[in-house]
Amino acid sequence: MVLPQVRSEEIDEELPPSRFRVVLIALLGVFLIILLVFWTFSDVLQGIVQSSVVRENVLNVGGARFVFQNGTLEALREEYVANQDREIKACLFGEVNGSIYYILGIEFPRIIRANVIHVVSVRCPIDAIVDVHSHTINKCLASKQDLSVYHELKELNPLVRMLVMCSQSRFGSI
Protein backbone atom coordinates (compact mmCIF):
# COMPACT_ATOMS: atom_id res chain seq x y z
CA MET A 1 0.00 0.00 0.00
CA VAL A 2 1.29 3.43 -0.95
CA LEU A 3 0.33 6.46 1.06
CA PRO A 4 -1.28 9.14 -1.05
CA GLN A 5 1.04 11.97 0.02
CA VAL A 6 4.30 9.98 -0.52
CA ARG A 7 5.39 8.99 -3.99
CA SER A 8 6.97 5.55 -4.45
CA GLU A 9 10.08 7.15 -6.05
CA GLU A 10 10.73 9.10 -2.84
CA ILE A 11 10.69 5.93 -0.77
CA ASP A 12 13.33 4.29 -2.98
CA GLU A 13 15.66 7.30 -2.99
CA GLU A 14 18.85 6.85 -0.99
CA LEU A 15 19.79 9.69 1.24
CA PRO A 16 23.41 10.78 1.02
CA PRO A 17 25.32 9.92 4.20
CA SER A 18 25.59 12.81 6.56
CA ARG A 19 29.03 14.31 7.03
CA PHE A 20 28.79 13.74 10.77
CA ARG A 21 28.09 10.03 10.25
CA VAL A 22 31.06 9.60 7.89
CA VAL A 23 33.43 11.35 10.31
CA LEU A 24 32.09 9.33 13.26
CA ILE A 25 32.57 6.01 11.45
CA ALA A 26 36.10 7.02 10.35
CA LEU A 27 37.06 8.01 13.91
CA LEU A 28 35.62 4.78 15.29
CA GLY A 29 37.63 2.80 12.73
CA VAL A 30 40.87 4.60 13.60
CA PHE A 31 40.20 4.07 17.32
CA LEU A 32 39.63 0.34 16.81
CA ILE A 33 42.83 0.01 14.76
CA ILE A 34 44.86 1.82 17.45
CA LEU A 35 43.30 -0.35 20.14
CA LEU A 36 44.11 -3.52 18.22
CA VAL A 37 47.72 -2.48 17.60
CA PHE A 38 48.23 -1.41 21.22
CA TRP A 39 46.70 -4.61 22.56
CA THR A 40 48.82 -6.74 20.25
CA PHE A 41 52.11 -5.01 20.99
CA SER A 42 51.67 -3.81 24.59
CA ASP A 43 53.39 -6.88 26.09
CA VAL A 44 56.28 -6.47 23.67
CA LEU A 45 56.66 -2.76 24.45
CA GLN A 46 56.44 -3.32 28.21
CA GLY A 47 58.89 -6.21 27.94
CA ILE A 48 61.42 -4.11 26.06
CA VAL A 49 61.07 -1.22 28.52
CA GLN A 50 61.45 -3.48 31.58
CA SER A 51 64.36 -5.54 30.26
CA SER A 52 68.01 -4.95 29.44
CA VAL A 53 70.58 -6.02 26.88
CA VAL A 54 73.83 -7.79 27.74
CA ARG A 55 76.86 -5.62 26.96
CA GLU A 56 80.37 -7.05 27.14
CA ASN A 57 79.12 -10.09 29.10
CA VAL A 58 77.43 -7.89 31.73
CA LEU A 59 73.70 -7.59 32.28
CA ASN A 60 72.27 -4.86 34.50
CA VAL A 61 68.61 -5.54 35.17
CA GLY A 62 66.21 -5.62 38.10
CA GLY A 63 68.61 -3.91 40.49
CA ALA A 64 71.28 -6.56 40.01
CA ARG A 65 74.37 -7.03 37.87
CA PHE A 66 75.02 -10.39 36.22
CA VAL A 67 78.60 -10.95 35.04
CA PHE A 68 78.84 -13.89 32.64
CA GLN A 69 82.18 -15.72 32.67
CA ASN A 70 83.67 -19.00 31.45
CA GLY A 71 81.61 -19.07 28.24
CA THR A 72 78.29 -19.25 30.09
CA LEU A 73 76.63 -16.54 28.00
CA GLU A 74 77.73 -18.21 24.76
CA ALA A 75 76.35 -21.57 25.95
CA LEU A 76 73.05 -19.92 26.89
CA ARG A 77 72.82 -18.21 23.50
CA GLU A 78 73.58 -21.44 21.65
CA GLU A 79 70.81 -23.26 23.53
CA TYR A 80 68.39 -20.41 22.82
CA VAL A 81 69.15 -20.37 19.08
CA ALA A 82 69.04 -24.18 18.81
CA ASN A 83 65.55 -24.29 20.36
CA GLN A 84 63.57 -21.50 18.72
CA ASP A 85 60.59 -23.85 18.51
CA ARG A 86 60.25 -24.08 22.31
CA GLU A 87 61.20 -22.40 25.57
CA ILE A 88 64.50 -23.32 27.18
CA LYS A 89 65.52 -23.64 30.82
CA ALA A 90 68.96 -23.06 32.33
CA CYS A 91 70.46 -23.07 35.81
CA LEU A 92 73.33 -20.67 36.41
CA PHE A 93 75.94 -21.21 39.11
CA GLY A 94 78.56 -18.97 40.62
CA GLU A 95 79.08 -16.45 43.38
CA VAL A 96 77.02 -13.61 44.76
CA ASN A 97 78.58 -10.46 46.17
CA GLY A 98 75.84 -8.07 47.23
CA SER A 99 73.82 -7.38 44.09
CA ILE A 100 76.51 -8.70 41.73
CA TYR A 101 76.04 -12.22 40.42
CA TYR A 102 79.18 -13.78 38.95
CA ILE A 103 78.02 -16.52 36.58
CA LEU A 104 80.72 -19.20 36.42
CA GLY A 105 78.82 -22.31 35.31
CA ILE A 106 75.68 -23.36 33.49
CA GLU A 107 73.51 -26.46 33.43
CA PHE A 108 70.51 -27.28 31.27
CA PRO A 109 68.07 -29.41 33.26
CA ARG A 110 66.07 -32.21 31.67
CA ILE A 111 63.03 -30.87 29.84
CA ILE A 112 59.85 -32.82 30.57
CA ARG A 113 57.75 -30.95 28.00
CA ALA A 114 58.01 -27.62 26.25
CA ASN A 115 56.51 -25.54 23.50
CA VAL A 116 56.80 -21.94 22.34
CA ILE A 117 54.98 -20.53 25.38
CA HIS A 118 55.61 -23.05 28.16
CA VAL A 119 58.36 -25.20 29.61
CA VAL A 120 58.23 -27.88 32.29
CA SER A 121 61.58 -29.15 33.45
CA VAL A 122 63.42 -30.64 36.35
CA ARG A 123 63.99 -27.95 39.01
CA CYS A 124 67.38 -26.26 39.23
CA PRO A 125 69.64 -27.51 42.04
CA ILE A 126 69.40 -25.59 45.32
CA ASP A 127 72.85 -24.02 44.80
CA ALA A 128 71.89 -22.39 41.48
CA ILE A 129 72.05 -18.60 41.84
CA VAL A 130 70.00 -17.80 38.72
CA ASP A 131 67.07 -19.66 37.17
CA VAL A 132 66.66 -18.76 33.48
CA HIS A 133 63.96 -19.64 31.00
CA SER A 134 63.08 -18.16 27.65
CA HIS A 135 60.01 -16.46 26.25
CA THR A 136 59.18 -15.61 22.65
CA ILE A 137 61.14 -12.79 21.05
CA ASN A 138 60.98 -9.51 23.00
CA LYS A 139 58.22 -10.74 25.35
CA CYS A 140 60.27 -10.32 28.50
CA LEU A 141 57.45 -9.94 31.02
CA ALA A 142 57.07 -12.61 33.66
CA SER A 143 53.85 -14.60 33.75
CA LYS A 144 51.87 -15.40 36.90
CA GLN A 145 53.35 -18.89 36.76
CA ASP A 146 56.87 -17.40 36.58
CA LEU A 147 56.18 -15.31 39.69
CA SER A 148 54.80 -18.32 41.55
CA VAL A 149 57.86 -20.43 40.73
CA TYR A 150 60.17 -17.55 41.68
CA HIS A 151 58.58 -17.20 45.13
CA GLU A 152 58.98 -20.95 45.70
CA LEU A 153 62.66 -20.71 44.70
CA LYS A 154 63.24 -17.76 47.07
CA GLU A 155 61.99 -19.87 49.98
CA LEU A 156 64.63 -22.50 49.19
CA ASN A 157 67.45 -20.09 48.34
CA PRO A 158 67.06 -16.40 49.30
CA LEU A 159 69.89 -15.38 46.93
CA VAL A 160 68.37 -16.91 43.79
CA ARG A 161 67.23 -14.64 40.95
CA MET A 162 65.09 -15.45 37.93
CA LEU A 163 65.76 -14.16 34.44
CA VAL A 164 63.52 -14.32 31.39
CA MET A 165 65.54 -14.57 28.17
CA CYS A 166 63.62 -12.98 25.30
CA SER A 167 66.32 -12.71 22.63
CA GLN A 168 69.96 -13.68 22.31
CA SER A 169 70.98 -10.60 24.28
CA ARG A 170 67.83 -9.33 26.05
CA PHE A 171 66.72 -10.41 29.51
CA GLY A 172 64.00 -9.42 31.92
CA SER A 173 64.29 -9.92 35.66
CA ILE A 174 61.81 -11.03 38.25
C-alpha atoms as a PDB file:
ATOM      1  CA  MET A   1       0.000   0.000   0.000  1.00  0.00           C
ATOM      2  CA  VAL A   2       1.291   3.429  -0.952  1.00  0.00           C
ATOM      3  CA  LEU A   3       0.325   6.457   1.057  1.00  0.00           C
ATOM      4  CA  PRO A   4      -1.277   9.139  -1.055  1.00  0.00           C
ATOM      5  CA  GLN A   5       1.041  11.973   0.021  1.00  0.00           C
ATOM      6  CA  VAL A   6       4.299   9.979  -0.523  1.00  0.00           C
ATOM      7  CA  ARG A   7       5.393   8.986  -3.995  1.00  0.00           C
ATOM      8  CA  SER A   8       6.974   5.553  -4.448  1.00  0.00           C
ATOM      9  CA  GLU A   9      10.084   7.151  -6.054  1.00  0.00           C
ATOM     10  CA  GLU A  10      10.729   9.103  -2.844  1.00  0.00           C
ATOM     11  CA  ILE A  11      10.694   5.930  -0.769  1.00  0.00           C
ATOM     12  CA  ASP A  12      13.328   4.286  -2.981  1.00  0.00           C
ATOM     13  CA  GLU A  13      15.660   7.301  -2.991  1.00  0.00           C
ATOM     14  CA  GLU A  14      18.850   6.846  -0.993  1.00  0.00           C
ATOM     15  CA  LEU A  15      19.791   9.686   1.242  1.00  0.00           C
ATOM     16  CA  PRO A  16      23.414  10.778   1.018  1.00  0.00           C
ATOM     17  CA  PRO A  17      25.315   9.917   4.201  1.00  0.00           C
ATOM     18  CA  SER A  18      25.592  12.815   6.561  1.00  0.00           C
ATOM     19  CA  ARG A  19      29.028  14.315   7.026  1.00  0.00           C
ATOM     20  CA  PHE A  20      28.789  13.736  10.772  1.00  0.00           C
ATOM     21  CA  ARG A  21      28.088  10.034  10.249  1.00  0.00           C
ATOM     22  CA  VAL A  22      31.063   9.604   7.888  1.00  0.00           C
ATOM     23  CA  VAL A  23      33.429  11.347  10.314  1.00  0.00           C
ATOM     24  CA  LEU A  24      32.087   9.327  13.257  1.00  0.00           C
ATOM     25  CA  ILE A  25      32.568   6.009  11.447  1.00  0.00           C
ATOM     26  CA  ALA A  26      36.095   7.015  10.349  1.00  0.00           C
ATOM     27  CA  LEU A  27      37.057   8.008  13.909  1.00  0.00           C
ATOM     28  CA  LEU A  28      35.619   4.784  15.289  1.00  0.00           C
ATOM     29  CA  GLY A  29      37.632   2.797  12.727  1.00  0.00           C
ATOM     30  CA  VAL A  30      40.866   4.603  13.601  1.00  0.00           C
ATOM     31  CA  PHE A  31      40.202   4.074  17.323  1.00  0.00           C
ATOM     32  CA  LEU A  32      39.635   0.336  16.812  1.00  0.00           C
ATOM     33  CA  ILE A  33      42.832   0.009  14.760  1.00  0.00           C
ATOM     34  CA  ILE A  34      44.855   1.819  17.446  1.00  0.00           C
ATOM     35  CA  LEU A  35      43.296  -0.350  20.145  1.00  0.00           C
ATOM     36  CA  LEU A  36      44.114  -3.521  18.224  1.00  0.00           C
ATOM     37  CA  VAL A  37      47.722  -2.475  17.597  1.00  0.00           C
ATOM     38  CA  PHE A  38      48.235  -1.409  21.220  1.00  0.00           C
ATOM     39  CA  TRP A  39      46.701  -4.608  22.561  1.00  0.00           C
ATOM     40  CA  THR A  40      48.818  -6.741  20.245  1.00  0.00           C
ATOM     41  CA  PHE A  41      52.112  -5.014  20.989  1.00  0.00           C
ATOM     42  CA  SER A  42      51.672  -3.811  24.586  1.00  0.00           C
ATOM     43  CA  ASP A  43      53.393  -6.882  26.088  1.00  0.00           C
ATOM     44  CA  VAL A  44      56.282  -6.474  23.666  1.00  0.00           C
ATOM     45  CA  LEU A  45      56.660  -2.765  24.451  1.00  0.00           C
ATOM     46  CA  GLN A  46      56.442  -3.324  28.212  1.00  0.00           C
ATOM     47  CA  GLY A  47      58.891  -6.211  27.939  1.00  0.00           C
ATOM     48  CA  ILE A  48      61.425  -4.111  26.064  1.00  0.00           C
ATOM     49  CA  VAL A  49      61.073  -1.223  28.523  1.00  0.00           C
ATOM     50  CA  GLN A  50      61.450  -3.484  31.578  1.00  0.00           C
ATOM     51  CA  SER A  51      64.359  -5.539  30.255  1.00  0.00           C
ATOM     52  CA  SER A  52      68.006  -4.946  29.437  1.00  0.00           C
ATOM     53  CA  VAL A  53      70.575  -6.020  26.876  1.00  0.00           C
ATOM     54  CA  VAL A  54      73.832  -7.790  27.743  1.00  0.00           C
ATOM     55  CA  ARG A  55      76.860  -5.619  26.962  1.00  0.00           C
ATOM     56  CA  GLU A  56      80.367  -7.051  27.142  1.00  0.00           C
ATOM     57  CA  ASN A  57      79.116 -10.095  29.102  1.00  0.00           C
ATOM     58  CA  VAL A  58      77.432  -7.886  31.732  1.00  0.00           C
ATOM     59  CA  LEU A  59      73.696  -7.591  32.276  1.00  0.00           C
ATOM     60  CA  ASN A  60      72.271  -4.860  34.498  1.00  0.00           C
ATOM     61  CA  VAL A  61      68.609  -5.544  35.169  1.00  0.00           C
ATOM     62  CA  GLY A  62      66.209  -5.624  38.101  1.00  0.00           C
ATOM     63  CA  GLY A  63      68.607  -3.905  40.489  1.00  0.00           C
ATOM     64  CA  ALA A  64      71.281  -6.563  40.012  1.00  0.00           C
ATOM     65  CA  ARG A  65      74.367  -7.030  37.866  1.00  0.00           C
ATOM     66  CA  PHE A  66      75.020 -10.386  36.216  1.00  0.00           C
ATOM     67  CA  VAL A  67      78.601 -10.945  35.045  1.00  0.00           C
ATOM     68  CA  PHE A  68      78.838 -13.893  32.639  1.00  0.00           C
ATOM     69  CA  GLN A  69      82.177 -15.721  32.671  1.00  0.00           C
ATOM     70  CA  ASN A  70      83.672 -19.004  31.451  1.00  0.00           C
ATOM     71  CA  GLY A  71      81.615 -19.073  28.240  1.00  0.00           C
ATOM     72  CA  THR A  72      78.292 -19.246  30.089  1.00  0.00           C
ATOM     73  CA  LEU A  73      76.626 -16.542  27.997  1.00  0.00           C
ATOM     74  CA  GLU A  74      77.728 -18.212  24.759  1.00  0.00           C
ATOM     75  CA  ALA A  75      76.351 -21.570  25.952  1.00  0.00           C
ATOM     76  CA  LEU A  76      73.050 -19.923  26.888  1.00  0.00           C
ATOM     77  CA  ARG A  77      72.816 -18.207  23.499  1.00  0.00           C
ATOM     78  CA  GLU A  78      73.579 -21.443  21.648  1.00  0.00           C
ATOM     79  CA  GLU A  79      70.812 -23.257  23.531  1.00  0.00           C
ATOM     80  CA  TYR A  80      68.390 -20.407  22.825  1.00  0.00           C
ATOM     81  CA  VAL A  81      69.146 -20.374  19.081  1.00  0.00           C
ATOM     82  CA  ALA A  82      69.041 -24.178  18.809  1.00  0.00           C
ATOM     83  CA  ASN A  83      65.555 -24.292  20.365  1.00  0.00           C
ATOM     84  CA  GLN A  84      63.573 -21.504  18.720  1.00  0.00           C
ATOM     85  CA  ASP A  85      60.585 -23.847  18.513  1.00  0.00           C
ATOM     86  CA  ARG A  86      60.253 -24.075  22.311  1.00  0.00           C
ATOM     87  CA  GLU A  87      61.203 -22.396  25.570  1.00  0.00           C
ATOM     88  CA  ILE A  88      64.502 -23.325  27.180  1.00  0.00           C
ATOM     89  CA  LYS A  89      65.520 -23.637  30.823  1.00  0.00           C
ATOM     90  CA  ALA A  90      68.964 -23.065  32.335  1.00  0.00           C
ATOM     91  CA  CYS A  91      70.462 -23.068  35.806  1.00  0.00           C
ATOM     92  CA  LEU A  92      73.331 -20.666  36.412  1.00  0.00           C
ATOM     93  CA  PHE A  93      75.935 -21.214  39.105  1.00  0.00           C
ATOM     94  CA  GLY A  94      78.560 -18.973  40.624  1.00  0.00           C
ATOM     95  CA  GLU A  95      79.085 -16.453  43.377  1.00  0.00           C
ATOM     96  CA  VAL A  96      77.016 -13.606  44.761  1.00  0.00           C
ATOM     97  CA  ASN A  97      78.579 -10.458  46.172  1.00  0.00           C
ATOM     98  CA  GLY A  98      75.836  -8.067  47.233  1.00  0.00           C
ATOM     99  CA  SER A  99      73.819  -7.382  44.090  1.00  0.00           C
ATOM    100  CA  ILE A 100      76.511  -8.697  41.731  1.00  0.00           C
ATOM    101  CA  TYR A 101      76.037 -12.224  40.421  1.00  0.00           C
ATOM    102  CA  TYR A 102      79.185 -13.776  38.945  1.00  0.00           C
ATOM    103  CA  ILE A 103      78.023 -16.524  36.580  1.00  0.00           C
ATOM    104  CA  LEU A 104      80.723 -19.199  36.421  1.00  0.00           C
ATOM    105  CA  GLY A 105      78.825 -22.308  35.307  1.00  0.00           C
ATOM    106  CA  ILE A 106      75.678 -23.361  33.493  1.00  0.00           C
ATOM    107  CA  GLU A 107      73.511 -26.464  33.433  1.00  0.00           C
ATOM    108  CA  PHE A 108      70.508 -27.275  31.268  1.00  0.00           C
ATOM    109  CA  PRO A 109      68.068 -29.412  33.262  1.00  0.00           C
ATOM    110  CA  ARG A 110      66.071 -32.206  31.667  1.00  0.00           C
ATOM    111  CA  ILE A 111      63.029 -30.865  29.844  1.00  0.00           C
ATOM    112  CA  ILE A 112      59.851 -32.818  30.567  1.00  0.00           C
ATOM    113  CA  ARG A 113      57.751 -30.946  27.996  1.00  0.00           C
ATOM    114  CA  ALA A 114      58.009 -27.621  26.246  1.00  0.00           C
ATOM    115  CA  ASN A 115      56.506 -25.544  23.499  1.00  0.00           C
ATOM    116  CA  VAL A 116      56.803 -21.943  22.337  1.00  0.00           C
ATOM    117  CA  ILE A 117      54.975 -20.535  25.379  1.00  0.00           C
ATOM    118  CA  HIS A 118      55.606 -23.047  28.160  1.00  0.00           C
ATOM    119  CA  VAL A 119      58.356 -25.202  29.610  1.00  0.00           C
ATOM    120  CA  VAL A 120      58.225 -27.882  32.294  1.00  0.00           C
ATOM    121  CA  SER A 121      61.581 -29.148  33.452  1.00  0.00           C
ATOM    122  CA  VAL A 122      63.422 -30.638  36.352  1.00  0.00           C
ATOM    123  CA  ARG A 123      63.986 -27.952  39.011  1.00  0.00           C
ATOM    124  CA  CYS A 124      67.385 -26.263  39.234  1.00  0.00           C
ATOM    125  CA  PRO A 125      69.641 -27.508  42.042  1.00  0.00           C
ATOM    126  CA  ILE A 126      69.404 -25.587  45.322  1.00  0.00           C
ATOM    127  CA  ASP A 127      72.853 -24.020  44.796  1.00  0.00           C
ATOM    128  CA  ALA A 128      71.892 -22.385  41.478  1.00  0.00           C
ATOM    129  CA  ILE A 129      72.048 -18.604  41.837  1.00  0.00           C
ATOM    130  CA  VAL A 130      70.002 -17.801  38.718  1.00  0.00           C
ATOM    131  CA  ASP A 131      67.070 -19.656  37.174  1.00  0.00           C
ATOM    132  CA  VAL A 132      66.664 -18.757  33.475  1.00  0.00           C
ATOM    133  CA  HIS A 133      63.956 -19.639  30.998  1.00  0.00           C
ATOM    134  CA  SER A 134      63.077 -18.158  27.645  1.00  0.00           C
ATOM    135  CA  HIS A 135      60.011 -16.459  26.245  1.00  0.00           C
ATOM    136  CA  THR A 136      59.177 -15.609  22.654  1.00  0.00           C
ATOM    137  CA  ILE A 137      61.145 -12.793  21.053  1.00  0.00           C
ATOM    138  CA  ASN A 138      60.975  -9.513  22.998  1.00  0.00           C
ATOM    139  CA  LYS A 139      58.220 -10.743  25.345  1.00  0.00           C
ATOM    140  CA  CYS A 140      60.267 -10.320  28.497  1.00  0.00           C
ATOM    141  CA  LEU A 141      57.453  -9.936  31.017  1.00  0.00           C
ATOM    142  CA  ALA A 142      57.070 -12.614  33.661  1.00  0.00           C
ATOM    143  CA  SER A 143      53.850 -14.601  33.749  1.00  0.00           C
ATOM    144  CA  LYS A 144      51.866 -15.399  36.903  1.00  0.00           C
ATOM    145  CA  GLN A 145      53.353 -18.894  36.762  1.00  0.00           C
ATOM    146  CA  ASP A 146      56.870 -17.401  36.583  1.00  0.00           C
ATOM    147  CA  LEU A 147      56.178 -15.314  39.686  1.00  0.00           C
ATOM    148  CA  SER A 148      54.802 -18.319  41.550  1.00  0.00           C
ATOM    149  CA  VAL A 149      57.864 -20.429  40.730  1.00  0.00           C
ATOM    150  CA  TYR A 150      60.167 -17.547  41.678  1.00  0.00           C
ATOM    151  CA  HIS A 151      58.580 -17.197  45.131  1.00  0.00           C
ATOM    152  CA  GLU A 152      58.981 -20.949  45.695  1.00  0.00           C
ATOM    153  CA  LEU A 153      62.663 -20.709  44.702  1.00  0.00           C
ATOM    154  CA  LYS A 154      63.244 -17.760  47.067  1.00  0.00           C
ATOM    155  CA  GLU A 155      61.991 -19.873  49.980  1.00  0.00           C
ATOM    156  CA  LEU A 156      64.631 -22.497  49.186  1.00  0.00           C
ATOM    157  CA  ASN A 157      67.454 -20.090  48.343  1.00  0.00           C
ATOM    158  CA  PRO A 158      67.057 -16.402  49.301  1.00  0.00           C
ATOM    159  CA  LEU A 159      69.893 -15.379  46.929  1.00  0.00           C
ATOM    160  CA  VAL A 160      68.368 -16.906  43.792  1.00  0.00           C
ATOM    161  CA  ARG A 161      67.233 -14.644  40.946  1.00  0.00           C
ATOM    162  CA  MET A 162      65.089 -15.453  37.931  1.00  0.00           C
ATOM    163  CA  LEU A 163      65.761 -14.164  34.437  1.00  0.00           C
ATOM    164  CA  VAL A 164      63.522 -14.320  31.387  1.00  0.00           C
ATOM    165  CA  MET A 165      65.542 -14.568  28.170  1.00  0.00           C
ATOM    166  CA  CYS A 166      63.624 -12.982  25.303  1.00  0.00           C
ATOM    167  CA  SER A 167      66.320 -12.713  22.627  1.00  0.00           C
ATOM    168  CA  GLN A 168      69.964 -13.684  22.311  1.00  0.00           C
ATOM    169  CA  SER A 169      70.984 -10.602  24.283  1.00  0.00           C
ATOM    170  CA  ARG A 170      67.834  -9.326  26.045  1.00  0.00           C
ATOM    171  CA  PHE A 171      66.720 -10.412  29.507  1.00  0.00           C
ATOM    172  CA  GLY A 172      64.002  -9.417  31.919  1.00  0.00           C
ATOM    173  CA  SER A 173      64.294  -9.924  35.659  1.00  0.00           C
ATOM    174  CA  ILE A 174      61.811 -11.030  38.251  1.00  0.00           C
END
